[in-house]
Amino acid sequence: SRIGMKHEIDTVKGTIFLKPYLDK
């Protein structure tokens, strides 16, 4: 199964935030 994600990557802090396109 595949879940599409928006991503925000902070290379300074070394963090990645993944938010799904679908709220479920």
mmCIF file of all heavy atoms, coordinates in Angstrom:
data_MODEL
# 
_entry.id   MODEL 
# 
loop_
_atom_site.group_PDB 
_atom_site.id 
_atom_site.type_symbol 
_atom_site.label_atom_id 
_atom_site.label_alt_id 
_atom_site.label_comp_id 
_atom_site.label_asym_id 
_atom_site.label_entity_id 
_atom_site.label_seq_id 
_atom_site.pdbx_PDB_ins_code 
_atom_site.Cartn_x 
_atom_site.Cartn_y 
_atom_site.Cartn_z 
_atom_site.occupancy 
_atom_site.B_iso_or_equiv 
_atom_site.pdbx_formal_charge 
_atom_site.auth_seq_id 
_atom_site.auth_comp_id 
_atom_site.auth_asym_id 
_atom_site.auth_atom_id 
_atom_site.pdbx_PDB_model_num 
ATOM 1   N N   . SER A 1 1  ? 0.856  -1.187 0.000  1.00 0.00 ? 1  SER A N   1 
ATOM 2   C CA  . SER A 1 1  ? 0.000  0.000  0.000  1.00 0.00 ? 1  SER A CA  1 
ATOM 3   C C   . SER A 1 1  ? 0.896  1.243  0.000  1.00 0.00 ? 1  SER A C   1 
ATOM 4   O O   . SER A 1 1  ? 1.989  1.234  0.583  1.00 0.00 ? 1  SER A O   1 
ATOM 5   C CB  . SER A 1 1  ? -0.924 0.009  1.218  1.00 0.00 ? 1  SER A CB  1 
ATOM 6   O OG  . SER A 1 1  ? -0.186 -0.021 2.424  1.00 0.00 ? 1  SER A OG  1 
ATOM 7   N N   . ARG A 1 2  ? 0.439  2.287  -0.644 1.00 0.00 ? 2  ARG A N   1 
ATOM 8   C CA  . ARG A 1 2  ? 1.263  3.476  -0.850 1.00 0.00 ? 2  ARG A CA  1 
ATOM 9   C C   . ARG A 1 2  ? 0.566  4.690  -0.247 1.00 0.00 ? 2  ARG A C   1 
ATOM 10  O O   . ARG A 1 2  ? -0.632 4.891  -0.464 1.00 0.00 ? 2  ARG A O   1 
ATOM 11  C CB  . ARG A 1 2  ? 1.510  3.689  -2.351 1.00 0.00 ? 2  ARG A CB  1 
ATOM 12  C CG  . ARG A 1 2  ? 2.210  2.506  -3.012 1.00 0.00 ? 2  ARG A CG  1 
ATOM 13  C CD  . ARG A 1 2  ? 2.032  2.498  -4.521 1.00 0.00 ? 2  ARG A CD  1 
ATOM 14  N NE  . ARG A 1 2  ? 2.749  3.576  -5.178 1.00 0.00 ? 2  ARG A NE  1 
ATOM 15  C CZ  . ARG A 1 2  ? 4.003  3.485  -5.629 1.00 0.00 ? 2  ARG A CZ  1 
ATOM 16  N NH1 . ARG A 1 2  ? 4.674  2.348  -5.482 1.00 0.00 ? 2  ARG A NH1 1 
ATOM 17  N NH2 . ARG A 1 2  ? 4.577  4.504  -6.224 1.00 0.00 ? 2  ARG A NH2 1 
ATOM 18  N N   . ILE A 1 3  ? 1.322  5.507  0.474  1.00 0.00 ? 3  ILE A N   1 
ATOM 19  C CA  . ILE A 1 3  ? 0.774  6.695  1.130  1.00 0.00 ? 3  ILE A CA  1 
ATOM 20  C C   . ILE A 1 3  ? 1.583  7.914  0.679  1.00 0.00 ? 3  ILE A C   1 
ATOM 21  O O   . ILE A 1 3  ? 2.772  8.036  0.994  1.00 0.00 ? 3  ILE A O   1 
ATOM 22  C CB  . ILE A 1 3  ? 0.828  6.582  2.669  1.00 0.00 ? 3  ILE A CB  1 
ATOM 23  C CG1 . ILE A 1 3  ? 0.172  5.294  3.133  1.00 0.00 ? 3  ILE A CG1 1 
ATOM 24  C CG2 . ILE A 1 3  ? 0.164  7.788  3.312  1.00 0.00 ? 3  ILE A CG2 1 
ATOM 25  C CD1 . ILE A 1 3  ? 0.368  5.001  4.610  1.00 0.00 ? 3  ILE A CD1 1 
ATOM 26  N N   . GLY A 1 4  ? 0.946  8.794  -0.066 1.00 0.00 ? 4  GLY A N   1 
ATOM 27  C CA  . GLY A 1 4  ? 1.612  10.001 -0.521 1.00 0.00 ? 4  GLY A CA  1 
ATOM 28  C C   . GLY A 1 4  ? 1.775  11.010 0.606  1.00 0.00 ? 4  GLY A C   1 
ATOM 29  O O   . GLY A 1 4  ? 0.861  11.207 1.412  1.00 0.00 ? 4  GLY A O   1 
ATOM 30  N N   . MET A 1 5  ? 2.934  11.655 0.652  1.00 0.00 ? 5  MET A N   1 
ATOM 31  C CA  . MET A 1 5  ? 3.262  12.561 1.740  1.00 0.00 ? 5  MET A CA  1 
ATOM 32  C C   . MET A 1 5  ? 3.848  13.881 1.228  1.00 0.00 ? 5  MET A C   1 
ATOM 33  O O   . MET A 1 5  ? 4.585  13.898 0.248  1.00 0.00 ? 5  MET A O   1 
ATOM 34  C CB  . MET A 1 5  ? 4.297  11.906 2.674  1.00 0.00 ? 5  MET A CB  1 
ATOM 35  C CG  . MET A 1 5  ? 3.802  10.700 3.439  1.00 0.00 ? 5  MET A CG  1 
ATOM 36  S SD  . MET A 1 5  ? 2.861  11.221 4.886  1.00 0.00 ? 5  MET A SD  1 
ATOM 37  C CE  . MET A 1 5  ? 2.443  9.643  5.627  1.00 0.00 ? 5  MET A CE  1 
ATOM 38  N N   . LYS A 1 6  ? 3.500  14.958 1.920  1.00 0.00 ? 6  LYS A N   1 
ATOM 39  C CA  . LYS A 1 6  ? 4.236  16.211 1.766  1.00 0.00 ? 6  LYS A CA  1 
ATOM 40  C C   . LYS A 1 6  ? 5.408  16.144 2.741  1.00 0.00 ? 6  LYS A C   1 
ATOM 41  O O   . LYS A 1 6  ? 5.281  15.555 3.813  1.00 0.00 ? 6  LYS A O   1 
ATOM 42  C CB  . LYS A 1 6  ? 3.352  17.409 2.122  1.00 0.00 ? 6  LYS A CB  1 
ATOM 43  C CG  . LYS A 1 6  ? 2.042  17.474 1.380  1.00 0.00 ? 6  LYS A CG  1 
ATOM 44  C CD  . LYS A 1 6  ? 1.180  18.595 1.943  1.00 0.00 ? 6  LYS A CD  1 
ATOM 45  C CE  . LYS A 1 6  ? -0.218 18.575 1.347  1.00 0.00 ? 6  LYS A CE  1 
ATOM 46  N NZ  . LYS A 1 6  ? -1.084 19.618 1.955  1.00 0.00 ? 6  LYS A NZ  1 
ATOM 47  N N   . HIS A 1 7  ? 6.533  16.726 2.369  1.00 0.00 ? 7  HIS A N   1 
ATOM 48  C CA  . HIS A 1 7  ? 7.644  16.680 3.310  1.00 0.00 ? 7  HIS A CA  1 
ATOM 49  C C   . HIS A 1 7  ? 8.246  18.061 3.549  1.00 0.00 ? 7  HIS A C   1 
ATOM 50  O O   . HIS A 1 7  ? 8.222  18.929 2.672  1.00 0.00 ? 7  HIS A O   1 
ATOM 51  C CB  . HIS A 1 7  ? 8.734  15.697 2.851  1.00 0.00 ? 7  HIS A CB  1 
ATOM 52  C CG  . HIS A 1 7  ? 9.434  16.098 1.586  1.00 0.00 ? 7  HIS A CG  1 
ATOM 53  N ND1 . HIS A 1 7  ? 9.612  15.234 0.525  1.00 0.00 ? 7  HIS A ND1 1 
ATOM 54  C CD2 . HIS A 1 7  ? 10.030 17.248 1.193  1.00 0.00 ? 7  HIS A CD2 1 
ATOM 55  C CE1 . HIS A 1 7  ? 10.270 15.827 -0.429 1.00 0.00 ? 7  HIS A CE1 1 
ATOM 56  N NE2 . HIS A 1 7  ? 10.538 17.061 -0.057 1.00 0.00 ? 7  HIS A NE2 1 
ATOM 57  N N   . GLU A 1 8  ? 8.749  18.244 4.749  1.00 0.00 ? 8  GLU A N   1 
ATOM 58  C CA  . GLU A 1 8  ? 9.516  19.426 5.126  1.00 0.00 ? 8  GLU A CA  1 
ATOM 59  C C   . GLU A 1 8  ? 10.816 18.934 5.752  1.00 0.00 ? 8  GLU A C   1 
ATOM 60  O O   . GLU A 1 8  ? 10.791 18.227 6.767  1.00 0.00 ? 8  GLU A O   1 
ATOM 61  C CB  . GLU A 1 8  ? 8.738  20.297 6.118  1.00 0.00 ? 8  GLU A CB  1 
ATOM 62  C CG  . GLU A 1 8  ? 7.462  20.902 5.546  1.00 0.00 ? 8  GLU A CG  1 
ATOM 63  C CD  . GLU A 1 8  ? 6.688  21.707 6.580  1.00 0.00 ? 8  GLU A CD  1 
ATOM 64  O OE1 . GLU A 1 8  ? 7.261  21.938 7.677  1.00 0.00 ? 8  GLU A OE1 1 
ATOM 65  O OE2 . GLU A 1 8  ? 5.536  22.072 6.303  1.00 0.00 ? 8  GLU A OE2 1 
ATOM 66  N N   . ILE A 1 9  ? 11.916 19.291 5.148  1.00 0.00 ? 9  ILE A N   1 
ATOM 67  C CA  . ILE A 1 9  ? 13.218 18.802 5.595  1.00 0.00 ? 9  ILE A CA  1 
ATOM 68  C C   . ILE A 1 9  ? 14.052 19.973 6.104  1.00 0.00 ? 9  ILE A C   1 
ATOM 69  O O   . ILE A 1 9  ? 14.228 20.977 5.398  1.00 0.00 ? 9  ILE A O   1 
ATOM 70  C CB  . ILE A 1 9  ? 13.955 18.080 4.454  1.00 0.00 ? 9  ILE A CB  1 
ATOM 71  C CG1 . ILE A 1 9  ? 13.123 16.893 3.954  1.00 0.00 ? 9  ILE A CG1 1 
ATOM 72  C CG2 . ILE A 1 9  ? 15.338 17.614 4.918  1.00 0.00 ? 9  ILE A CG2 1 
ATOM 73  C CD1 . ILE A 1 9  ? 13.666 16.243 2.710  1.00 0.00 ? 9  ILE A CD1 1 
ATOM 74  N N   . ASP A 1 10 ? 14.546 19.865 7.308  1.00 0.00 ? 10 ASP A N   1 
ATOM 75  C CA  . ASP A 1 10 ? 15.424 20.877 7.903  1.00 0.00 ? 10 ASP A CA  1 
ATOM 76  C C   . ASP A 1 10 ? 16.807 20.241 8.047  1.00 0.00 ? 10 ASP A C   1 
ATOM 77  O O   . ASP A 1 10 ? 17.057 19.446 8.961  1.00 0.00 ? 10 ASP A O   1 
ATOM 78  C CB  . ASP A 1 10 ? 14.893 21.323 9.267  1.00 0.00 ? 10 ASP A CB  1 
ATOM 79  C CG  . ASP A 1 10 ? 15.630 22.545 9.813  1.00 0.00 ? 10 ASP A CG  1 
ATOM 80  O OD1 . ASP A 1 10 ? 16.838 22.679 9.538  1.00 0.00 ? 10 ASP A OD1 1 
ATOM 81  O OD2 . ASP A 1 10 ? 15.000 23.351 10.527 1.00 0.00 ? 10 ASP A OD2 1 
ATOM 82  N N   . THR A 1 11 ? 17.694 20.590 7.130  1.00 0.00 ? 11 THR A N   1 
ATOM 83  C CA  . THR A 1 11 ? 19.020 19.967 7.143  1.00 0.00 ? 11 THR A CA  1 
ATOM 84  C C   . THR A 1 11 ? 19.897 20.493 8.281  1.00 0.00 ? 11 THR A C   1 
ATOM 85  O O   . THR A 1 11 ? 20.868 19.836 8.655  1.00 0.00 ? 11 THR A O   1 
ATOM 86  C CB  . THR A 1 11 ? 19.722 20.217 5.800  1.00 0.00 ? 11 THR A CB  1 
ATOM 87  O OG1 . THR A 1 11 ? 19.793 21.631 5.550  1.00 0.00 ? 11 THR A OG1 1 
ATOM 88  C CG2 . THR A 1 11 ? 18.965 19.555 4.659  1.00 0.00 ? 11 THR A CG2 1 
ATOM 89  N N   . VAL A 1 12 ? 19.565 21.674 8.815  1.00 0.00 ? 12 VAL A N   1 
ATOM 90  C CA  . VAL A 1 12 ? 20.345 22.236 9.925  1.00 0.00 ? 12 VAL A CA  1 
ATOM 91  C C   . VAL A 1 12 ? 20.020 21.495 11.220 1.00 0.00 ? 12 VAL A C   1 
ATOM 92  O O   . VAL A 1 12 ? 20.916 21.057 11.960 1.00 0.00 ? 12 VAL A O   1 
ATOM 93  C CB  . VAL A 1 12 ? 20.082 23.747 10.081 1.00 0.00 ? 12 VAL A CB  1 
ATOM 94  C CG1 . VAL A 1 12 ? 20.840 24.302 11.297 1.00 0.00 ? 12 VAL A CG1 1 
ATOM 95  C CG2 . VAL A 1 12 ? 20.495 24.497 8.813  1.00 0.00 ? 12 VAL A CG2 1 
ATOM 96  N N   . LYS A 1 13 ? 18.727 21.338 11.492 1.00 0.00 ? 13 LYS A N   1 
ATOM 97  C CA  . LYS A 1 13 ? 18.307 20.641 12.713 1.00 0.00 ? 13 LYS A CA  1 
ATOM 98  C C   . LYS A 1 13 ? 18.319 19.125 12.552 1.00 0.00 ? 13 LYS A C   1 
ATOM 99  O O   . LYS A 1 13 ? 18.246 18.388 13.539 1.00 0.00 ? 13 LYS A O   1 
ATOM 100 C CB  . LYS A 1 13 ? 16.902 21.095 13.109 1.00 0.00 ? 13 LYS A CB  1 
ATOM 101 C CG  . LYS A 1 13 ? 16.811 22.566 13.492 1.00 0.00 ? 13 LYS A CG  1 
ATOM 102 C CD  . LYS A 1 13 ? 15.387 22.921 13.877 1.00 0.00 ? 13 LYS A CD  1 
ATOM 103 C CE  . LYS A 1 13 ? 15.277 24.383 14.291 1.00 0.00 ? 13 LYS A CE  1 
ATOM 104 N NZ  . LYS A 1 13 ? 13.887 24.752 14.658 1.00 0.00 ? 13 LYS A NZ  1 
ATOM 105 N N   . GLY A 1 14 ? 18.385 18.671 11.293 1.00 0.00 ? 14 GLY A N   1 
ATOM 106 C CA  . GLY A 1 14 ? 18.358 17.230 11.056 1.00 0.00 ? 14 GLY A CA  1 
ATOM 107 C C   . GLY A 1 14 ? 17.008 16.624 11.318 1.00 0.00 ? 14 GLY A C   1 
ATOM 108 O O   . GLY A 1 14 ? 16.898 15.577 11.977 1.00 0.00 ? 14 GLY A O   1 
ATOM 109 N N   . THR A 1 15 ? 15.944 17.279 10.810 1.00 0.00 ? 15 THR A N   1 
ATOM 110 C CA  . THR A 1 15 ? 14.590 16.773 11.026 1.00 0.00 ? 15 THR A CA  1 
ATOM 111 C C   . THR A 1 15 ? 13.857 16.663 9.694  1.00 0.00 ? 15 THR A C   1 
ATOM 112 O O   . THR A 1 15 ? 14.150 17.387 8.735  1.00 0.00 ? 15 THR A O   1 
ATOM 113 C CB  . THR A 1 15 ? 13.785 17.693 11.959 1.00 0.00 ? 15 THR A CB  1 
ATOM 114 O OG1 . THR A 1 15 ? 13.687 19.007 11.364 1.00 0.00 ? 15 THR A OG1 1 
ATOM 115 C CG2 . THR A 1 15 ? 14.455 17.807 13.312 1.00 0.00 ? 15 THR A CG2 1 
ATOM 116 N N   . ILE A 1 16 ? 12.909 15.765 9.659  1.00 0.00 ? 16 ILE A N   1 
ATOM 117 C CA  . ILE A 1 16 ? 12.022 15.628 8.502  1.00 0.00 ? 16 ILE A CA  1 
ATOM 118 C C   . ILE A 1 16 ? 10.598 15.430 9.009  1.00 0.00 ? 16 ILE A C   1 
ATOM 119 O O   . ILE A 1 16 ? 10.356 14.648 9.936  1.00 0.00 ? 16 ILE A O   1 
ATOM 120 C CB  . ILE A 1 16 ? 12.446 14.456 7.584  1.00 0.00 ? 16 ILE A CB  1 
ATOM 121 C CG1 . ILE A 1 16 ? 11.448 14.319 6.418  1.00 0.00 ? 16 ILE A CG1 1 
ATOM 122 C CG2 . ILE A 1 16 ? 12.576 13.153 8.356  1.00 0.00 ? 16 ILE A CG2 1 
ATOM 123 C CD1 . ILE A 1 16 ? 11.895 13.338 5.346  1.00 0.00 ? 16 ILE A CD1 1 
ATOM 124 N N   . PHE A 1 17 ? 9.673  16.196 8.411  1.00 0.00 ? 17 PHE A N   1 
ATOM 125 C CA  . PHE A 1 17 ? 8.255  16.129 8.779  1.00 0.00 ? 17 PHE A CA  1 
ATOM 126 C C   . PHE A 1 17 ? 7.490  15.588 7.589  1.00 0.00 ? 17 PHE A C   1 
ATOM 127 O O   . PHE A 1 17 ? 7.592  16.118 6.470  1.00 0.00 ? 17 PHE A O   1 
ATOM 128 C CB  . PHE A 1 17 ? 7.755  17.516 9.169  1.00 0.00 ? 17 PHE A CB  1 
ATOM 129 C CG  . PHE A 1 17 ? 6.269  17.602 9.361  1.00 0.00 ? 17 PHE A CG  1 
ATOM 130 C CD1 . PHE A 1 17 ? 5.604  16.711 10.185 1.00 0.00 ? 17 PHE A CD1 1 
ATOM 131 C CD2 . PHE A 1 17 ? 5.530  18.590 8.705  1.00 0.00 ? 17 PHE A CD2 1 
ATOM 132 C CE1 . PHE A 1 17 ? 4.228  16.795 10.354 1.00 0.00 ? 17 PHE A CE1 1 
ATOM 133 C CE2 . PHE A 1 17 ? 4.166  18.680 8.865  1.00 0.00 ? 17 PHE A CE2 1 
ATOM 134 C CZ  . PHE A 1 17 ? 3.507  17.779 9.697  1.00 0.00 ? 17 PHE A CZ  1 
ATOM 135 N N   . LEU A 1 18 ? 6.745  14.519 7.792  1.00 0.00 ? 18 LEU A N   1 
ATOM 136 C CA  . LEU A 1 18 ? 5.939  13.899 6.740  1.00 0.00 ? 18 LEU A CA  1 
ATOM 137 C C   . LEU A 1 18 ? 4.466  14.075 7.067  1.00 0.00 ? 18 LEU A C   1 
ATOM 138 O O   . LEU A 1 18 ? 3.999  13.610 8.114  1.00 0.00 ? 18 LEU A O   1 
ATOM 139 C CB  . LEU A 1 18 ? 6.268  12.410 6.614  1.00 0.00 ? 18 LEU A CB  1 
ATOM 140 C CG  . LEU A 1 18 ? 7.722  12.057 6.274  1.00 0.00 ? 18 LEU A CG  1 
ATOM 141 C CD1 . LEU A 1 18 ? 7.918  10.541 6.332  1.00 0.00 ? 18 LEU A CD1 1 
ATOM 142 C CD2 . LEU A 1 18 ? 8.099  12.585 4.904  1.00 0.00 ? 18 LEU A CD2 1 
ATOM 143 N N   . LYS A 1 19 ? 3.748  14.757 6.171  1.00 0.00 ? 19 LYS A N   1 
ATOM 144 C CA  . LYS A 1 19 ? 2.314  14.973 6.368  1.00 0.00 ? 19 LYS A CA  1 
ATOM 145 C C   . LYS A 1 19 ? 1.556  14.342 5.204  1.00 0.00 ? 19 LYS A C   1 
ATOM 146 O O   . LYS A 1 19 ? 1.818  14.658 4.044  1.00 0.00 ? 19 LYS A O   1 
ATOM 147 C CB  . LYS A 1 19 ? 1.996  16.466 6.442  1.00 0.00 ? 19 LYS A CB  1 
ATOM 148 C CG  . LYS A 1 19 ? 0.528  16.751 6.710  1.00 0.00 ? 19 LYS A CG  1 
ATOM 149 C CD  . LYS A 1 19 ? 0.260  18.244 6.846  1.00 0.00 ? 19 LYS A CD  1 
ATOM 150 C CE  . LYS A 1 19 ? -1.216 18.507 7.137  1.00 0.00 ? 19 LYS A CE  1 
ATOM 151 N NZ  . LYS A 1 19 ? -1.516 19.948 7.287  1.00 0.00 ? 19 LYS A NZ  1 
ATOM 152 N N   . PRO A 1 20 ? 0.605  13.454 5.473  1.00 0.00 ? 20 PRO A N   1 
ATOM 153 C CA  . PRO A 1 20 ? -0.111 12.767 4.388  1.00 0.00 ? 20 PRO A CA  1 
ATOM 154 C C   . PRO A 1 20 ? -1.043 13.703 3.631  1.00 0.00 ? 20 PRO A C   1 
ATOM 155 O O   . PRO A 1 20 ? -1.584 14.658 4.194  1.00 0.00 ? 20 PRO A O   1 
ATOM 156 C CB  . PRO A 1 20 ? -0.894 11.678 5.121  1.00 0.00 ? 20 PRO A CB  1 
ATOM 157 C CG  . PRO A 1 20 ? -1.094 12.224 6.497  1.00 0.00 ? 20 PRO A CG  1 
ATOM 158 C CD  . PRO A 1 20 ? 0.138  13.028 6.799  1.00 0.00 ? 20 PRO A CD  1 
ATOM 159 N N   . TYR A 1 21 ? -1.228 13.409 2.355  1.00 0.00 ? 21 TYR A N   1 
ATOM 160 C CA  . TYR A 1 21 ? -2.186 14.171 1.542  1.00 0.00 ? 21 TYR A CA  1 
ATOM 161 C C   . TYR A 1 21 ? -3.618 13.856 1.956  1.00 0.00 ? 21 TYR A C   1 
ATOM 162 O O   . TYR A 1 21 ? -4.510 14.698 1.816  1.00 0.00 ? 21 TYR A O   1 
ATOM 163 C CB  . TYR A 1 21 ? -1.991 13.854 0.052  1.00 0.00 ? 21 TYR A CB  1 
ATOM 164 C CG  . TYR A 1 21 ? -0.754 14.486 -0.541 1.00 0.00 ? 21 TYR A CG  1 
ATOM 165 C CD1 . TYR A 1 21 ? 0.409  13.746 -0.731 1.00 0.00 ? 21 TYR A CD1 1 
ATOM 166 C CD2 . TYR A 1 21 ? -0.736 15.824 -0.891 1.00 0.00 ? 21 TYR A CD2 1 
ATOM 167 C CE1 . TYR A 1 21 ? 1.545  14.322 -1.274 1.00 0.00 ? 21 TYR A CE1 1 
ATOM 168 C CE2 . TYR A 1 21 ? 0.387  16.416 -1.436 1.00 0.00 ? 21 TYR A CE2 1 
ATOM 169 C CZ  . TYR A 1 21 ? 1.527  15.652 -1.623 1.00 0.00 ? 21 TYR A CZ  1 
ATOM 170 O OH  . TYR A 1 21 ? 2.652  16.242 -2.155 1.00 0.00 ? 21 TYR A OH  1 
ATOM 171 N N   . LEU A 1 22 ? -3.842 12.648 2.480  1.00 0.00 ? 22 LEU A N   1 
ATOM 172 C CA  . LEU A 1 22 ? -5.171 12.242 2.943  1.00 0.00 ? 22 LEU A CA  1 
ATOM 173 C C   . LEU A 1 22 ? -5.198 12.225 4.464  1.00 0.00 ? 22 LEU A C   1 
ATOM 174 O O   . LEU A 1 22 ? -4.283 11.685 5.108  1.00 0.00 ? 22 LEU A O   1 
ATOM 175 C CB  . LEU A 1 22 ? -5.524 10.854 2.399  1.00 0.00 ? 22 LEU A CB  1 
ATOM 176 C CG  . LEU A 1 22 ? -5.568 10.731 0.872  1.00 0.00 ? 22 LEU A CG  1 
ATOM 177 C CD1 . LEU A 1 22 ? -5.885 9.293  0.473  1.00 0.00 ? 22 LEU A CD1 1 
ATOM 178 C CD2 . LEU A 1 22 ? -6.596 11.689 0.271  1.00 0.00 ? 22 LEU A CD2 1 
ATOM 179 N N   . ASP A 1 23 ? -6.223 12.795 5.038  1.00 0.00 ? 23 ASP A N   1 
ATOM 180 C CA  . ASP A 1 23 ? -6.298 12.952 6.495  1.00 0.00 ? 23 ASP A CA  1 
ATOM 181 C C   . ASP A 1 23 ? -6.391 11.634 7.257  1.00 0.00 ? 23 ASP A C   1 
ATOM 182 O O   . ASP A 1 23 ? -6.133 11.584 8.461  1.00 0.00 ? 23 ASP A O   1 
ATOM 183 C CB  . ASP A 1 23 ? -7.505 13.831 6.866  1.00 0.00 ? 23 ASP A CB  1 
ATOM 184 C CG  . ASP A 1 23 ? -7.342 15.262 6.362  1.00 0.00 ? 23 ASP A CG  1 
ATOM 185 O OD1 . ASP A 1 23 ? -6.189 15.689 6.200  1.00 0.00 ? 23 ASP A OD1 1 
ATOM 186 O OD2 . ASP A 1 23 ? -8.378 15.924 6.145  1.00 0.00 ? 23 ASP A OD2 1 
ATOM 187 N N   . LYS A 1 24 ? -6.746 10.557 6.603  1.00 0.00 ? 24 LYS A N   1 
ATOM 188 C CA  . LYS A 1 24 ? -6.950 9.291  7.318  1.00 0.00 ? 24 LYS A CA  1 
ATOM 189 C C   . LYS A 1 24 ? -5.636 8.639  7.746  1.00 0.00 ? 24 LYS A C   1 
ATOM 190 O O   . LYS A 1 24 ? -5.642 7.659  8.499  1.00 0.00 ? 24 LYS A O   1 
ATOM 191 C CB  . LYS A 1 24 ? -7.761 8.321  6.464  1.00 0.00 ? 24 LYS A CB  1 
ATOM 192 C CG  . LYS A 1 24 ? -7.061 7.857  5.192  1.00 0.00 ? 24 LYS A CG  1 
ATOM 193 C CD  . LYS A 1 24 ? -7.954 6.873  4.442  1.00 0.00 ? 24 LYS A CD  1 
ATOM 194 C CE  . LYS A 1 24 ? -7.285 6.366  3.169  1.00 0.00 ? 24 LYS A CE  1 
ATOM 195 N NZ  . LYS A 1 24 ? -8.123 5.375  2.469  1.00 0.00 ? 24 LYS A NZ  1 
# 
